[in-house]
Amino acid sequence: MKATEMGWRDDVERVLIDEKIIEKRLDAMAVEIDQQFPAGPILAIVLLKGAFVFAADLLRRIPRPLEIECLNVSSYHGGTESSGSVKFLDHVLPEVRGRHVLLLDDILDTGRTLKAVADRMFEEGCAAVHTGVLLAKDKKRAEQVQADYVGFEIGDEFVVGYGLDYKGRYRNLPFVGVLKPVD
């Protein structure tokens, strides 16, 4: 479905990654994760709200037992750039002691969110954190973080769709699109 058919004509500048391309890449990522992740069930921790669409589609493709937990964190706080601080909105964290965790986020931008959550997982006693993101921006990061599994490398543009939002809107778009500049 095109952005214009969904009523976003005035908001989305262009489709960056269409739905079919995303589906093919998720197939490949699922194979990578299944082959490279330690044996046994996978504990996937999905960062809300942005990663829920990506994670749901990816995790359904992994052919092994999964445990899925969600963690609500925030770093954008409604703007188009990271605020520089990561807020843990959940007071109780999933039980990770001694486990290998697959931490899934929508986008790797400054690196602050992945680093903060991974650090917290290690504080809680996890054995290892393996990270996966739908998108990784090609830019200098505030934290030296790289994801183990990356769907797509993109430029430093503000994108929406496929779970990513601007002020709570556009998460339901079936593609990743570049948002027109906002005031």
Protein backbone atom coordinates (compact mmCIF):
# COMPACT_ATOMS: atom_id res chain seq x y z
CA MET A 1 0.00 0.00 0.00
CA LYS A 2 1.34 3.43 -0.89
CA ALA A 3 1.60 6.25 1.61
CA THR A 4 -0.88 8.27 -0.42
CA GLU A 5 -3.46 5.49 -0.09
CA MET A 6 -3.13 5.62 3.68
CA GLY A 7 -3.62 9.38 3.90
CA TRP A 8 -0.02 10.30 4.67
CA ARG A 9 0.65 12.13 1.38
CA ASP A 10 1.39 15.42 3.10
CA ASP A 11 3.60 13.92 5.83
CA VAL A 12 5.85 11.28 4.22
CA GLU A 13 8.45 12.64 1.82
CA ARG A 14 9.29 9.22 0.34
CA VAL A 15 9.28 5.50 1.00
CA LEU A 16 12.78 4.50 2.02
CA ILE A 17 12.28 0.73 2.48
CA ASP A 18 9.15 -0.96 1.20
CA GLU A 19 7.29 -3.81 2.84
CA LYS A 20 8.52 -6.58 0.51
CA ILE A 21 12.17 -5.63 1.06
CA ILE A 22 11.62 -5.59 4.84
CA GLU A 23 10.05 -9.06 4.72
CA LYS A 24 13.00 -10.52 2.78
CA ARG A 25 15.52 -9.01 5.17
CA LEU A 26 13.62 -10.31 8.22
CA ASP A 27 13.76 -13.81 6.71
CA ALA A 28 17.55 -13.51 6.46
CA MET A 29 17.92 -12.02 9.96
CA ALA A 30 15.90 -14.88 11.47
CA VAL A 31 18.25 -17.41 9.87
CA GLU A 32 21.30 -15.48 11.17
CA ILE A 33 19.92 -15.35 14.70
CA ASP A 34 18.89 -19.02 14.71
CA GLN A 35 22.31 -20.12 13.47
CA GLN A 36 24.43 -17.82 15.65
CA PHE A 37 22.49 -17.68 18.92
CA PRO A 38 23.49 -20.18 21.65
CA ALA A 39 21.47 -23.42 21.74
CA GLY A 40 18.18 -23.52 23.59
CA PRO A 41 15.26 -21.18 23.93
CA ILE A 42 15.78 -17.51 23.17
CA LEU A 43 14.79 -14.82 25.65
CA ALA A 44 13.82 -11.86 23.47
CA ILE A 45 13.35 -8.48 25.12
CA VAL A 46 11.51 -6.03 22.90
CA LEU A 47 11.91 -2.30 23.54
CA LEU A 48 8.56 -0.57 23.42
CA LYS A 49 6.96 1.00 21.67
CA GLY A 50 9.03 1.35 18.53
CA ALA A 51 10.29 -2.21 18.13
CA PHE A 52 7.01 -4.08 18.54
CA VAL A 53 6.14 -4.36 14.81
CA PHE A 54 9.70 -5.32 13.80
CA ALA A 55 10.04 -7.77 16.69
CA ALA A 56 6.69 -9.47 16.08
CA ASP A 57 7.50 -10.06 12.42
CA LEU A 58 11.09 -11.15 13.11
CA LEU A 59 10.37 -13.46 16.04
CA ARG A 60 7.64 -15.35 14.16
CA ARG A 61 10.33 -16.33 11.66
CA ILE A 62 12.72 -17.89 14.21
CA PRO A 63 12.09 -21.66 14.32
CA ARG A 64 12.87 -22.38 17.97
CA PRO A 65 11.31 -21.86 21.39
CA LEU A 66 11.11 -18.22 22.44
CA GLU A 67 10.30 -16.32 25.56
CA ILE A 68 9.23 -12.76 24.81
CA GLU A 69 9.31 -9.91 27.28
CA CYS A 70 8.76 -6.21 26.68
CA LEU A 71 10.52 -3.29 28.27
CA ASN A 72 9.21 0.24 28.03
CA VAL A 73 11.98 2.82 27.61
CA SER A 74 12.06 6.28 26.10
CA SER A 75 14.77 8.52 24.71
CA TYR A 76 13.07 10.73 22.10
CA HIS A 77 10.31 12.09 24.35
CA GLY A 78 8.18 13.24 21.38
CA GLY A 79 10.85 15.00 19.32
CA THR A 80 12.78 14.14 16.17
CA GLU A 81 16.13 13.80 17.96
CA SER A 82 17.23 11.80 20.97
CA SER A 83 16.87 13.73 24.21
CA GLY A 84 20.20 12.40 25.45
CA SER A 85 18.64 10.55 28.37
CA VAL A 86 17.10 7.10 28.53
CA LYS A 87 14.14 6.66 30.86
CA PHE A 88 13.13 3.20 32.07
CA LEU A 89 9.36 3.45 32.25
CA ASP A 90 8.95 -0.05 33.73
CA HIS A 91 9.87 -0.49 37.36
CA VAL A 92 10.20 -4.27 37.16
CA LEU A 93 12.62 -5.77 34.68
CA PRO A 94 12.33 -9.23 33.11
CA GLU A 95 14.29 -12.00 34.86
CA VAL A 96 17.56 -12.27 32.95
CA ARG A 97 20.01 -13.76 35.48
CA GLY A 98 22.31 -16.24 33.74
CA ARG A 99 20.47 -15.91 30.40
CA HIS A 100 21.55 -14.92 26.92
CA VAL A 101 19.23 -12.08 25.91
CA LEU A 102 18.21 -11.03 22.40
CA LEU A 103 17.53 -7.31 22.83
CA LEU A 104 15.45 -5.86 19.97
CA ASP A 105 15.06 -2.16 19.20
CA ASP A 106 13.66 -0.28 16.25
CA ILE A 107 16.61 1.98 15.43
CA LEU A 108 20.22 2.46 16.44
CA ASP A 109 20.80 6.20 16.41
CA THR A 110 22.91 7.68 19.21
CA GLY A 111 23.50 4.29 20.83
CA ARG A 112 22.35 5.53 24.22
CA THR A 113 19.26 3.33 24.46
CA LEU A 114 20.96 0.06 23.52
CA LYS A 115 23.90 0.82 25.82
CA ALA A 116 21.70 1.81 28.77
CA VAL A 117 19.47 -1.24 28.45
CA ALA A 118 22.37 -3.65 27.85
CA ASP A 119 24.21 -2.21 30.87
CA ARG A 120 21.08 -2.68 32.96
CA MET A 121 20.73 -6.29 31.76
CA PHE A 122 24.32 -6.98 32.87
CA GLU A 123 23.60 -5.34 36.24
CA GLU A 124 20.72 -7.80 36.58
CA GLY A 125 23.11 -10.70 35.96
CA CYS A 126 22.50 -11.76 32.35
CA ALA A 127 25.19 -13.90 30.72
CA ALA A 128 25.21 -12.02 27.39
CA VAL A 129 23.26 -9.45 25.43
CA HIS A 130 22.86 -9.92 21.68
CA THR A 131 21.30 -6.90 19.99
CA GLY A 132 19.14 -6.59 16.91
CA VAL A 133 17.72 -3.50 15.26
CA LEU A 134 15.58 -2.90 12.22
CA LEU A 135 17.58 0.21 11.29
CA ALA A 136 21.03 1.56 12.07
CA LYS A 137 21.82 5.13 11.16
CA ASP A 138 25.15 5.70 9.45
CA LYS A 139 26.44 8.40 11.78
CA LYS A 140 28.78 9.07 14.67
CA ARG A 141 27.16 7.78 17.84
CA ALA A 142 27.23 9.25 21.34
CA GLU A 143 27.98 5.73 22.63
CA GLN A 144 30.28 3.20 20.95
CA VAL A 145 27.59 0.61 20.27
CA GLN A 146 27.03 -1.68 17.32
CA ALA A 147 24.12 -4.07 16.89
CA ASP A 148 24.82 -7.75 16.32
CA TYR A 149 21.94 -8.01 13.86
CA VAL A 150 20.97 -5.09 11.61
CA GLY A 151 18.09 -5.01 9.18
CA PHE A 152 19.16 -1.95 7.20
CA GLU A 153 21.78 0.78 7.34
CA ILE A 154 20.24 4.18 6.59
CA GLY A 155 21.37 7.78 6.38
CA ASP A 156 20.84 10.27 9.15
CA GLU A 157 17.20 11.03 8.33
CA PHE A 158 14.12 11.04 10.53
CA VAL A 159 12.07 8.00 9.57
CA VAL A 160 8.66 6.67 10.48
CA GLY A 161 6.64 3.55 9.84
CA TYR A 162 6.98 -0.12 10.67
CA GLY A 163 6.79 0.73 14.36
CA LEU A 164 8.72 3.99 14.30
CA ASP A 165 6.71 7.09 15.12
CA TYR A 166 6.58 10.81 15.39
CA LYS A 167 4.44 11.93 18.34
CA GLY A 168 2.69 8.56 18.38
CA ARG A 169 1.72 8.61 14.71
CA TYR A 170 2.80 6.52 11.70
CA ARG A 171 3.70 3.29 13.57
CA ASN A 172 1.18 1.37 11.46
CA LEU A 173 2.73 2.19 8.09
CA PRO A 174 3.85 -1.08 6.42
CA PHE A 175 7.07 0.54 5.18
CA VAL A 176 9.83 2.80 6.47
CA GLY A 177 9.45 6.32 5.13
CA VAL A 178 11.24 9.61 5.48
CA LEU A 179 9.11 12.16 7.26
CA LYS A 180 8.97 15.60 5.74
CA PRO A 181 10.68 18.22 7.92
CA VAL A 182 8.50 19.18 10.86
CA ASP A 183 8.16 22.64 12.34
